[in-house]
Protein backbone atom coordinates (compact mmCIF):
# COMPACT_ATOMS: atom_id res chain seq x y z
CA MET A 1 31.16 -7.88 -7.39
CA THR A 2 32.17 -6.27 -10.68
CA SER A 3 30.36 -3.04 -11.45
CA GLN A 4 27.62 -3.11 -14.06
CA PRO A 5 27.94 -1.30 -17.41
CA SER A 6 26.43 2.19 -17.13
CA HIS A 7 24.12 1.61 -20.09
CA LEU A 8 22.54 -1.36 -18.30
CA THR A 9 21.88 0.76 -15.24
CA THR A 10 20.30 3.42 -17.44
CA HIS A 11 18.11 0.86 -19.19
CA LEU A 12 16.98 -0.56 -15.84
CA LEU A 13 16.08 2.88 -14.51
CA THR A 14 14.14 3.66 -17.69
CA HIS A 15 12.31 0.34 -17.53
CA LEU A 16 11.20 0.79 -13.91
CA SER A 17 10.11 4.39 -14.42
CA THR A 18 8.19 3.83 -17.66
CA THR A 19 6.50 0.50 -16.85
CA LYS A 20 5.90 0.82 -13.10
CA ASN A 21 6.33 4.54 -12.39
CA LEU A 22 8.97 3.71 -9.81
CA HIS A 23 12.04 5.96 -9.65
CA PRO A 24 14.81 4.37 -7.56
CA SER A 25 17.26 6.74 -5.91
CA PRO A 26 20.81 6.76 -7.32
CA GLN A 27 22.12 5.40 -4.01
CA TRP A 28 19.72 2.44 -4.00
CA LEU A 29 20.29 1.72 -7.67
CA THR A 30 24.08 1.74 -7.29
CA ALA A 31 23.93 -0.56 -4.27
CA PHE A 32 21.56 -2.91 -6.07
CA MET A 33 23.64 -3.13 -9.22
CA THR A 34 26.79 -4.02 -7.28
CA THR A 35 25.04 -7.18 -6.05
CA GLN A 36 24.24 -8.39 -9.57
CA LYS A 37 26.44 -10.27 -12.03
CA PRO A 38 27.60 -8.23 -15.03
CA THR A 39 26.20 -10.90 -17.35
CA THR A 40 22.68 -10.76 -15.91
CA PRO A 41 20.23 -9.88 -18.71
CA LEU A 42 18.01 -6.82 -18.35
CA PRO A 43 14.70 -8.74 -17.93
CA ALA A 44 16.13 -10.68 -14.99
CA LEU A 45 17.62 -7.53 -13.47
CA ALA A 46 14.31 -5.72 -13.83
CA GLN A 47 12.36 -8.54 -12.18
CA THR A 48 14.77 -8.73 -9.23
CA ALA A 49 14.86 -4.95 -8.80
CA LEU A 50 11.05 -4.74 -8.86
CA PHE A 51 10.71 -7.49 -6.25
CA ARG A 52 13.13 -5.73 -3.92
CA LEU A 53 11.47 -2.35 -4.37
CA LEU A 54 8.02 -3.79 -3.67
CA SER A 55 9.23 -5.46 -0.48
CA SER A 56 11.11 -2.43 0.86
CA ASP A 57 10.26 0.94 2.39
CA ILE A 58 9.96 3.46 -0.44
CA SER A 59 11.18 6.24 1.85
CA THR A 60 14.60 4.56 1.68
CA THR A 61 14.58 3.36 -1.93
CA LEU A 62 12.86 5.90 -4.20
CA SER A 63 14.10 9.25 -5.43
CA THR A 64 12.46 12.42 -4.09
CA THR A 65 14.14 14.95 -6.38
CA ASP A 66 11.12 15.35 -8.68
CA PRO A 67 8.26 17.02 -6.76
CA GLN A 68 5.75 15.55 -9.22
CA THR A 69 6.50 12.06 -7.86
CA CYS A 70 5.73 13.03 -4.25
CA LEU A 71 2.76 14.41 -2.35
CA PRO A 72 2.60 18.21 -1.89
CA SER A 73 3.97 19.37 1.45
CA ASP A 74 0.60 20.97 2.24
CA ILE A 75 -1.42 17.89 1.24
CA HIS A 76 -3.37 18.06 4.54
CA ASN A 77 -4.59 21.63 4.03
CA VAL A 78 -8.36 21.28 4.49
CA ASN A 79 -8.86 24.85 3.30
CA ILE A 80 -8.09 23.74 -0.24
CA LYS A 81 -11.46 22.47 -1.38
CA GLU A 82 -10.18 20.52 -4.35
CA ARG A 83 -7.01 20.07 -6.37
CA ARG A 84 -5.53 17.45 -8.65
CA LEU A 85 -2.35 15.39 -8.31
CA PRO A 86 -0.88 15.00 -11.80
CA GLY A 87 1.59 12.37 -10.61
CA PRO A 88 2.31 9.62 -11.09
CA ILE A 89 3.08 9.23 -7.38
CA ALA A 90 4.22 5.96 -5.84
CA LEU A 91 2.68 5.28 -2.42
CA GLN A 92 2.81 2.48 0.10
CA LEU A 93 0.01 1.24 2.34
CA LEU A 94 0.39 1.79 6.09
CA GLY A 95 -3.16 0.92 7.13
CA ILE A 96 -6.61 0.09 5.82
CA GLU A 97 -10.15 0.22 7.19
CA ASP A 98 -13.33 -1.21 5.68
CA MET A 99 -15.83 1.57 6.23
CA SER A 100 -18.76 -0.77 5.58
CA LYS A 101 -17.93 -3.01 8.55
CA SER A 102 -18.40 -2.43 12.25
CA ARG A 103 -15.37 -2.61 14.54
CA TRP A 104 -16.30 -6.13 15.62
CA GLU A 105 -16.71 -7.24 12.02
CA GLN A 106 -13.27 -5.86 11.22
CA ILE A 107 -11.77 -7.77 14.15
CA GLU A 108 -13.47 -10.96 12.96
CA ALA A 109 -12.17 -10.37 9.43
CA ILE A 110 -8.58 -9.93 10.66
CA GLU A 111 -8.82 -13.06 12.82
CA ALA A 112 -10.23 -15.05 9.90
CA LEU A 113 -7.26 -14.01 7.79
CA GLU A 114 -4.91 -15.06 10.58
CA ARG A 115 -6.55 -18.51 10.56
CA GLY A 116 -6.06 -18.69 6.81
CA GLU A 117 -9.76 -18.30 6.10
CA GLY A 118 -11.40 -16.12 3.50
CA THR A 119 -14.93 -15.81 2.23
CA LYS A 120 -16.52 -16.60 -1.06
CA GLY A 121 -19.93 -15.00 -0.95
CA ARG A 122 -21.15 -16.09 2.49
CA GLU A 123 -19.19 -19.32 2.47
CA ILE A 124 -16.06 -19.55 4.64
CA ILE A 125 -13.17 -21.12 2.76
CA ARG A 126 -9.68 -22.17 3.75
CA VAL A 127 -6.92 -20.27 1.96
CA THR A 128 -3.89 -22.48 1.32
CA ALA A 129 -0.28 -21.29 1.43
CA THR A 130 -0.03 -21.64 -2.35
CA GLU A 131 -3.09 -19.46 -2.85
CA GLU A 132 -1.61 -16.86 -0.50
CA GLU A 133 1.60 -16.74 -2.55
CA ASN A 134 -0.27 -16.51 -5.84
CA ASN A 135 -2.49 -13.69 -4.58
CA ASP A 136 0.04 -11.82 -2.47
CA SER A 137 0.01 -8.77 -4.74
CA GLU A 138 -3.74 -8.40 -4.32
CA GLY A 139 -4.08 -9.65 -0.74
CA VAL A 140 -5.77 -12.85 0.36
CA GLY A 141 -9.02 -13.72 2.06
CA LYS A 142 -11.15 -11.45 -0.08
CA ARG A 143 -14.12 -10.38 1.99
CA GLY A 144 -15.89 -7.87 -0.21
CA GLY A 145 -17.19 -4.79 1.54
CA GLY A 146 -15.83 -1.33 1.04
CA PRO A 147 -15.47 1.50 0.46
CA HIS A 148 -12.08 1.43 2.16
CA LYS A 149 -10.11 4.14 3.91
CA LEU A 150 -6.36 3.80 3.33
CA THR A 151 -3.40 5.35 5.13
CA LEU A 152 -0.75 6.01 2.47
CA GLN A 153 2.85 7.21 2.53
CA ASP A 154 5.06 8.65 -0.20
CA ALA A 155 8.83 8.46 -0.72
CA ARG A 156 9.38 11.57 1.43
CA GLY A 157 7.53 10.01 4.35
CA ASN A 158 4.45 12.21 3.98
CA CYS A 159 1.24 10.42 4.91
CA VAL A 160 -2.29 10.99 3.66
CA TYR A 161 -5.69 9.32 3.78
CA GLY A 162 -7.20 7.89 0.64
CA ILE A 163 -10.86 7.00 0.14
CA GLU A 164 -11.92 4.33 -2.35
CA LEU A 165 -14.81 5.88 -4.26
CA THR A 166 -15.43 2.80 -6.39
CA GLY A 167 -14.01 -0.69 -6.04
CA ILE A 168 -10.32 -1.03 -6.95
CA LYS A 169 -9.03 -4.52 -7.71
CA GLY A 170 -6.66 -5.56 -4.92
CA VAL A 171 -7.94 -3.05 -2.34
CA GLU A 172 -9.44 -4.98 0.57
CA LEU A 173 -9.04 -5.56 4.29
CA GLY A 174 -6.73 -8.51 3.63
CA MET A 175 -4.24 -6.65 1.46
CA SER A 176 -0.64 -6.54 2.61
CA ILE A 177 0.72 -3.61 4.58
CA GLY A 178 3.57 -2.11 2.60
CA CYS A 179 1.72 -2.81 -0.66
CA LYS A 180 2.81 -0.34 -3.33
CA MET A 181 0.46 1.56 -5.59
CA VAL A 182 0.62 4.48 -8.00
CA VAL A 183 -1.89 7.34 -8.17
CA LYS A 184 -2.10 9.56 -11.24
CA ASN A 185 -4.38 12.50 -11.95
CA ALA A 186 -6.24 11.93 -8.67
CA VAL A 187 -8.39 14.57 -6.99
CA VAL A 188 -7.57 15.62 -3.44
CA ALA A 189 -10.61 16.97 -1.59
CA ARG A 190 -9.79 18.84 1.63
CA GLY A 191 -6.69 16.73 2.28
CA VAL A 192 -8.09 13.34 1.26
CA VAL A 193 -7.13 11.52 -1.95
CA LEU A 194 -10.18 10.28 -3.87
CA MET A 195 -9.28 6.92 -5.40
CA ASP A 196 -10.86 4.88 -8.17
CA PRO A 197 -9.71 2.34 -10.79
CA GLY A 198 -9.03 5.15 -13.25
CA ASN A 199 -6.42 6.90 -11.11
CA THR A 200 -4.99 4.10 -8.94
CA THR A 201 -2.84 1.16 -9.97
CA ILE A 202 -1.92 -1.55 -7.45
CA LEU A 203 1.63 -2.84 -7.88
CA GLY A 204 1.66 -5.24 -4.93
CA GLY A 205 4.38 -5.99 -2.43
CA LYS A 206 4.60 -6.35 1.32
CA ILE A 207 6.82 -5.13 4.15
CA GLU A 208 6.85 -8.05 6.57
CA GLY A 209 7.65 -6.11 9.73
CA LEU A 210 5.01 -3.45 9.11
CA HIS A 211 2.41 -6.04 8.12
CA LYS A 212 2.85 -8.06 11.32
CA ALA A 213 2.86 -4.99 13.56
CA TRP A 214 -0.24 -3.55 11.89
CA LYS A 215 -2.28 -6.73 12.35
CA GLU A 216 -1.37 -6.92 16.03
CA ASN A 217 -1.90 -3.23 16.73
CA ARG A 218 -5.05 -2.91 14.63
CA LYS A 219 -6.95 -5.51 16.64
CA ALA A 220 -5.91 -3.84 19.88
CA GLU A 221 -6.99 -0.42 18.58
CA LEU A 222 -10.39 -1.73 17.48
CA LYS A 223 -11.00 -3.47 20.82
CA ALA A 224 -9.96 -0.35 22.73
CA ALA A 225 -12.36 1.76 20.65
CA ILE A 226 -15.20 -0.68 21.34
CA GLU A 227 -14.52 -0.62 25.09
CA ALA A 228 -14.34 3.19 25.08
CA ALA A 229 -17.67 3.42 23.26
CA GLU A 230 -19.26 1.01 25.72
CA ARG A 231 -17.97 3.01 28.70
CA SER A 232 -19.28 6.22 27.15
CA ALA A 233 -22.69 4.64 26.56
CA MET A 234 -22.87 3.37 30.16
CA SER A 235 -21.89 6.80 31.48
CA THR A 236 -24.56 8.48 29.36
CA ASN A 237 -27.23 6.05 30.50
CA ALA A 238 -26.24 6.49 34.11
CA ASN A 239 -26.79 10.22 33.82
């Protein structure tokens, strides 16, 4: 494939960084541009590049040269009572927990999503394939609840917990693992990012392999935790 004009590459990089706060690495950007036709207009290039970034692992696609776009190396230091992340920092979702639901309720919610069911109020509804595609960036099978606890990862591979202080559109138990989001000017309290609609923007996306593995492993983890709690309760009662 013929190489792209350098000005087009520059325009694409500027577009992604200014509109989505995504900063592709030079290696990824070069590889991507070599797969595109030289006559492809910028809007089409930008749309294709965004789709690929949202469906890939940001630890292999985004630049880590600017420390402001990554989590601090000591993000988990619980001795730091409070600090602020200026950002913007692109993160991807590795796990999510609805803190308002019991373990059994979370298992039931995951199984309902696997059956293609969601809830509208207290009514169970069937989510069609078309609806799933249209709502993929926000997740499907909206079940309410919250606040949610999220496991997040930055481009350097650093992981951190985030807590949803107030409801954020698109954050729910049915959202896709690998979903990308950007946090800006967020407070970190003793190693936990405090998230709200004012400092968190959901971009969407999904990493298929991670999403499938998480659903399978999450149910097993929840069931194991329930069984362990039951054994502990029986042991306590026996004593």
